[in-house]
């Protein structure tokens, strides 16, 4: 347990940041999971869904949850899967 006042503040702040980071990461992961599920079912996916997925990945990168290259890699993988699904139809 934190003893000093500054340690208590730091602990409180770390809990708030943990929750914020978790929310951004969860939102991104759920969007990717939903995207993959729709691809596997063969549902037609619009460009707007790709844009919202990119938005979640970019936001997670902006707030520091993901590193820049990790965000780029995830967007690249999603785009690759999206383009392959369009070719099959």
N, C-alpha and C. Protein backbone atom coordinates (compact mmCIF):
# COMPACT_ATOMS: atom_id res chain seq x y z
N UNK A 1 0.84 -1.19 0.00
CA UNK A 1 0.00 0.00 0.00
C UNK A 1 0.88 1.24 0.00
N UNK A 2 0.47 2.26 -0.76
CA UNK A 2 1.24 3.50 -0.76
C UNK A 2 1.12 4.20 0.59
N UNK A 3 2.22 4.79 1.02
CA UNK A 3 2.24 5.46 2.32
C UNK A 3 2.20 6.97 2.16
N UNK A 4 3.08 7.51 1.35
CA UNK A 4 3.13 8.96 1.19
C UNK A 4 2.00 9.45 0.30
N UNK A 5 1.75 10.75 0.40
CA UNK A 5 0.67 11.36 -0.37
C UNK A 5 0.95 11.25 -1.87
N UNK A 6 2.19 11.47 -2.26
CA UNK A 6 2.53 11.40 -3.69
C UNK A 6 2.40 9.98 -4.22
N UNK A 7 2.71 8.99 -3.38
CA UNK A 7 2.58 7.60 -3.79
C UNK A 7 1.10 7.23 -3.98
N UNK A 8 0.25 7.78 -3.12
CA UNK A 8 -1.19 7.54 -3.25
C UNK A 8 -1.72 8.14 -4.55
N UNK A 9 -1.25 9.36 -4.85
CA UNK A 9 -1.67 10.01 -6.10
C UNK A 9 -1.18 9.22 -7.31
N UNK A 10 0.06 8.77 -7.25
CA UNK A 10 0.62 8.01 -8.36
C UNK A 10 -0.14 6.71 -8.57
N UNK A 11 -0.50 6.06 -7.49
CA UNK A 11 -1.26 4.81 -7.59
C UNK A 11 -2.64 5.06 -8.19
N UNK A 12 -3.29 6.12 -7.75
CA UNK A 12 -4.60 6.47 -8.28
C UNK A 12 -4.50 6.77 -9.78
N UNK A 13 -3.47 7.51 -10.15
CA UNK A 13 -3.27 7.86 -11.56
C UNK A 13 -3.00 6.63 -12.42
N UNK A 14 -2.22 5.71 -11.88
CA UNK A 14 -1.90 4.51 -12.64
C UNK A 14 -3.15 3.66 -12.88
N UNK A 15 -4.05 3.63 -11.91
CA UNK A 15 -5.30 2.88 -12.08
C UNK A 15 -6.18 3.51 -13.16
N UNK A 16 -6.24 4.86 -13.17
CA UNK A 16 -7.03 5.55 -14.18
C UNK A 16 -6.46 5.31 -15.58
N UNK A 17 -5.13 5.40 -15.69
CA UNK A 17 -4.49 5.17 -16.99
C UNK A 17 -4.64 3.73 -17.44
N UNK A 18 -4.59 2.80 -16.50
CA UNK A 18 -4.77 1.39 -16.84
C UNK A 18 -6.16 1.17 -17.43
N UNK A 19 -7.16 1.76 -16.81
CA UNK A 19 -8.53 1.62 -17.31
C UNK A 19 -8.68 2.25 -18.69
N UNK A 20 -8.10 3.43 -18.88
CA UNK A 20 -8.18 4.11 -20.17
C UNK A 20 -7.50 3.29 -21.26
N UNK A 21 -6.30 2.80 -20.96
CA UNK A 21 -5.57 1.99 -21.94
C UNK A 21 -6.31 0.71 -22.26
N UNK A 22 -6.88 0.09 -21.24
CA UNK A 22 -7.64 -1.14 -21.43
C UNK A 22 -8.84 -0.89 -22.34
N UNK A 23 -9.53 0.23 -22.14
CA UNK A 23 -10.70 0.55 -22.95
C UNK A 23 -10.33 0.73 -24.43
N UNK A 24 -9.24 1.45 -24.69
CA UNK A 24 -8.81 1.65 -26.07
C UNK A 24 -8.42 0.33 -26.72
N UNK A 25 -7.68 -0.49 -25.97
CA UNK A 25 -7.22 -1.76 -26.52
C UNK A 25 -8.40 -2.70 -26.75
N UNK A 26 -9.35 -2.74 -25.82
CA UNK A 26 -10.51 -3.62 -25.96
C UNK A 26 -11.36 -3.20 -27.15
N UNK A 27 -11.58 -1.90 -27.31
CA UNK A 27 -12.37 -1.39 -28.43
C UNK A 27 -11.75 -1.80 -29.76
N UNK A 28 -10.42 -1.68 -29.83
CA UNK A 28 -9.71 -2.05 -31.05
C UNK A 28 -9.80 -3.55 -31.30
N UNK A 29 -9.57 -4.35 -30.27
CA UNK A 29 -9.58 -5.80 -30.43
C UNK A 29 -10.97 -6.30 -30.82
N UNK A 30 -12.00 -5.75 -30.23
CA UNK A 30 -13.36 -6.17 -30.55
C UNK A 30 -13.72 -5.81 -31.99
N UNK A 31 -13.25 -4.64 -32.45
CA UNK A 31 -13.52 -4.25 -33.84
C UNK A 31 -12.81 -5.20 -34.80
N UNK A 32 -11.58 -5.58 -34.49
CA UNK A 32 -10.84 -6.52 -35.34
C UNK A 32 -11.53 -7.88 -35.34
N UNK A 33 -11.97 -8.31 -34.16
CA UNK A 33 -12.63 -9.61 -34.05
C UNK A 33 -13.93 -9.63 -34.85
N UNK A 34 -14.70 -8.55 -34.77
CA UNK A 34 -15.95 -8.45 -35.51
C UNK A 34 -15.67 -8.46 -37.02
N UNK A 35 -14.63 -7.76 -37.43
CA UNK A 35 -14.23 -7.71 -38.83
C UNK A 35 -13.87 -9.10 -39.34
N UNK A 36 -13.05 -9.82 -38.56
CA UNK A 36 -12.62 -11.17 -38.96
C UNK A 36 -13.81 -12.13 -39.02
N UNK A 37 -14.73 -11.98 -38.09
CA UNK A 37 -15.91 -12.85 -38.07
C UNK A 37 -16.75 -12.63 -39.32
N UNK A 38 -16.93 -11.37 -39.70
CA UNK A 38 -17.70 -11.06 -40.91
C UNK A 38 -17.01 -11.57 -42.16
N UNK A 39 -15.70 -11.48 -42.20
CA UNK A 39 -14.92 -11.99 -43.35
C UNK A 39 -15.11 -13.50 -43.47
N UNK A 40 -15.00 -14.19 -42.33
CA UNK A 40 -15.12 -15.66 -42.37
C UNK A 40 -16.52 -16.11 -42.75
N UNK A 41 -17.53 -15.33 -42.38
CA UNK A 41 -18.91 -15.67 -42.75
C UNK A 41 -19.19 -15.36 -44.21
N UNK A 42 -18.38 -14.49 -44.79
CA UNK A 42 -18.60 -14.12 -46.18
C UNK A 42 -19.52 -12.92 -46.34
N UNK A 43 -19.69 -12.17 -45.27
CA UNK A 43 -20.54 -10.97 -45.31
C UNK A 43 -19.80 -9.88 -46.08
N UNK A 44 -20.53 -9.14 -46.90
CA UNK A 44 -19.91 -8.04 -47.64
C UNK A 44 -19.54 -6.93 -46.66
N UNK A 45 -18.29 -6.48 -46.77
CA UNK A 45 -17.79 -5.45 -45.86
C UNK A 45 -17.56 -4.17 -46.65
N UNK A 46 -18.09 -3.07 -46.14
CA UNK A 46 -17.97 -1.79 -46.82
C UNK A 46 -16.67 -1.10 -46.41
N UNK A 47 -16.31 -0.08 -47.21
CA UNK A 47 -15.10 0.70 -46.91
C UNK A 47 -15.26 1.45 -45.59
N UNK A 48 -16.48 1.80 -45.23
CA UNK A 48 -16.69 2.54 -43.98
C UNK A 48 -16.32 1.70 -42.76
N UNK A 49 -16.55 0.40 -42.84
CA UNK A 49 -16.16 -0.48 -41.74
C UNK A 49 -14.65 -0.53 -41.60
N UNK A 50 -13.96 -0.52 -42.75
CA UNK A 50 -12.49 -0.47 -42.72
C UNK A 50 -12.02 0.84 -42.09
N UNK A 51 -12.69 1.92 -42.42
CA UNK A 51 -12.31 3.23 -41.89
C UNK A 51 -12.49 3.29 -40.38
N UNK A 52 -13.58 2.71 -39.88
CA UNK A 52 -13.78 2.72 -38.43
C UNK A 52 -12.75 1.84 -37.73
N UNK A 53 -12.40 0.73 -38.35
CA UNK A 53 -11.36 -0.14 -37.79
C UNK A 53 -10.03 0.59 -37.76
N UNK A 54 -9.69 1.27 -38.83
CA UNK A 54 -8.46 2.07 -38.88
C UNK A 54 -8.49 3.16 -37.81
N UNK A 55 -9.67 3.75 -37.61
CA UNK A 55 -9.81 4.81 -36.62
C UNK A 55 -9.47 4.30 -35.22
N UNK A 56 -9.97 3.12 -34.88
CA UNK A 56 -9.68 2.55 -33.57
C UNK A 56 -8.20 2.22 -33.40
N UNK A 57 -7.59 1.69 -34.45
CA UNK A 57 -6.16 1.37 -34.39
C UNK A 57 -5.33 2.65 -34.26
N UNK A 58 -5.68 3.66 -35.05
CA UNK A 58 -4.94 4.93 -35.00
C UNK A 58 -5.09 5.62 -33.65
N UNK A 59 -6.27 5.55 -33.08
CA UNK A 59 -6.50 6.19 -31.78
C UNK A 59 -5.70 5.48 -30.69
N UNK A 60 -5.65 4.16 -30.74
CA UNK A 60 -4.85 3.41 -29.77
C UNK A 60 -3.38 3.76 -29.90
N UNK A 61 -2.93 3.99 -31.11
CA UNK A 61 -1.55 4.39 -31.35
C UNK A 61 -1.31 5.81 -30.82
N UNK A 62 -2.26 6.69 -31.07
CA UNK A 62 -2.11 8.09 -30.68
C UNK A 62 -2.00 8.26 -29.16
N UNK A 63 -2.79 7.52 -28.41
CA UNK A 63 -2.77 7.67 -26.95
C UNK A 63 -1.65 6.86 -26.31
N UNK A 64 -0.93 6.05 -27.10
CA UNK A 64 0.23 5.35 -26.57
C UNK A 64 -0.01 3.91 -26.18
N UNK A 65 -1.14 3.35 -26.51
CA UNK A 65 -1.42 1.96 -26.20
C UNK A 65 -0.62 1.05 -27.12
N UNK A 66 -0.52 1.44 -28.40
CA UNK A 66 0.26 0.70 -29.39
C UNK A 66 1.42 1.55 -29.86
N UNK A 67 2.49 0.89 -30.26
CA UNK A 67 3.58 1.60 -30.90
C UNK A 67 3.22 1.84 -32.36
N UNK A 68 3.92 2.77 -32.98
CA UNK A 68 3.59 3.17 -34.35
C UNK A 68 3.69 2.01 -35.34
N UNK A 69 4.74 1.24 -35.25
CA UNK A 69 4.94 0.15 -36.20
C UNK A 69 3.93 -0.99 -35.97
N UNK A 70 3.55 -1.21 -34.71
CA UNK A 70 2.55 -2.24 -34.40
C UNK A 70 1.21 -1.86 -35.03
N UNK A 71 0.85 -0.57 -34.91
CA UNK A 71 -0.40 -0.10 -35.51
C UNK A 71 -0.35 -0.27 -37.02
N UNK A 72 0.78 0.07 -37.62
CA UNK A 72 0.92 -0.06 -39.08
C UNK A 72 0.81 -1.51 -39.51
N UNK A 73 1.41 -2.41 -38.73
CA UNK A 73 1.36 -3.83 -39.06
C UNK A 73 -0.07 -4.36 -38.98
N UNK A 74 -0.80 -3.97 -37.95
CA UNK A 74 -2.19 -4.45 -37.81
C UNK A 74 -3.06 -3.92 -38.94
N UNK A 75 -2.88 -2.65 -39.30
CA UNK A 75 -3.65 -2.09 -40.40
C UNK A 75 -3.32 -2.79 -41.71
N UNK A 76 -2.04 -3.11 -41.90
CA UNK A 76 -1.61 -3.80 -43.10
C UNK A 76 -2.23 -5.19 -43.20
N UNK A 77 -2.25 -5.91 -42.10
CA UNK A 77 -2.82 -7.26 -42.10
C UNK A 77 -4.32 -7.23 -42.38
N UNK A 78 -4.99 -6.25 -41.79
CA UNK A 78 -6.43 -6.12 -42.00
C UNK A 78 -6.71 -5.78 -43.46
N UNK A 79 -5.92 -4.87 -44.03
CA UNK A 79 -6.11 -4.49 -45.43
C UNK A 79 -5.86 -5.67 -46.35
N UNK A 80 -4.85 -6.46 -46.04
CA UNK A 80 -4.53 -7.63 -46.86
C UNK A 80 -5.70 -8.62 -46.86
N UNK A 81 -6.25 -8.89 -45.69
CA UNK A 81 -7.39 -9.80 -45.58
C UNK A 81 -8.60 -9.24 -46.31
N UNK A 82 -8.81 -7.94 -46.17
CA UNK A 82 -9.94 -7.28 -46.84
C UNK A 82 -9.82 -7.40 -48.36
N UNK A 83 -8.63 -7.15 -48.88
CA UNK A 83 -8.41 -7.22 -50.33
C UNK A 83 -8.54 -8.65 -50.85
N UNK A 84 -8.08 -9.63 -50.09
CA UNK A 84 -8.22 -11.02 -50.49
C UNK A 84 -9.68 -11.44 -50.52
N UNK A 85 -10.46 -10.94 -49.57
CA UNK A 85 -11.88 -11.30 -49.54
C UNK A 85 -12.62 -10.68 -50.73
N UNK A 86 -12.18 -9.50 -51.17
CA UNK A 86 -12.81 -8.87 -52.32
C UNK A 86 -12.49 -9.63 -53.61
N UNK A 87 -11.28 -10.19 -53.69
CA UNK A 87 -10.88 -10.93 -54.89
C UNK A 87 -11.67 -12.23 -55.03
N UNK A 88 -11.99 -12.87 -53.89
CA UNK A 88 -12.70 -14.15 -53.93
C UNK A 88 -14.13 -14.00 -54.40
N UNK A 89 -14.69 -12.82 -54.26
CA UNK A 89 -16.10 -12.63 -54.64
C UNK A 89 -16.25 -12.25 -56.06
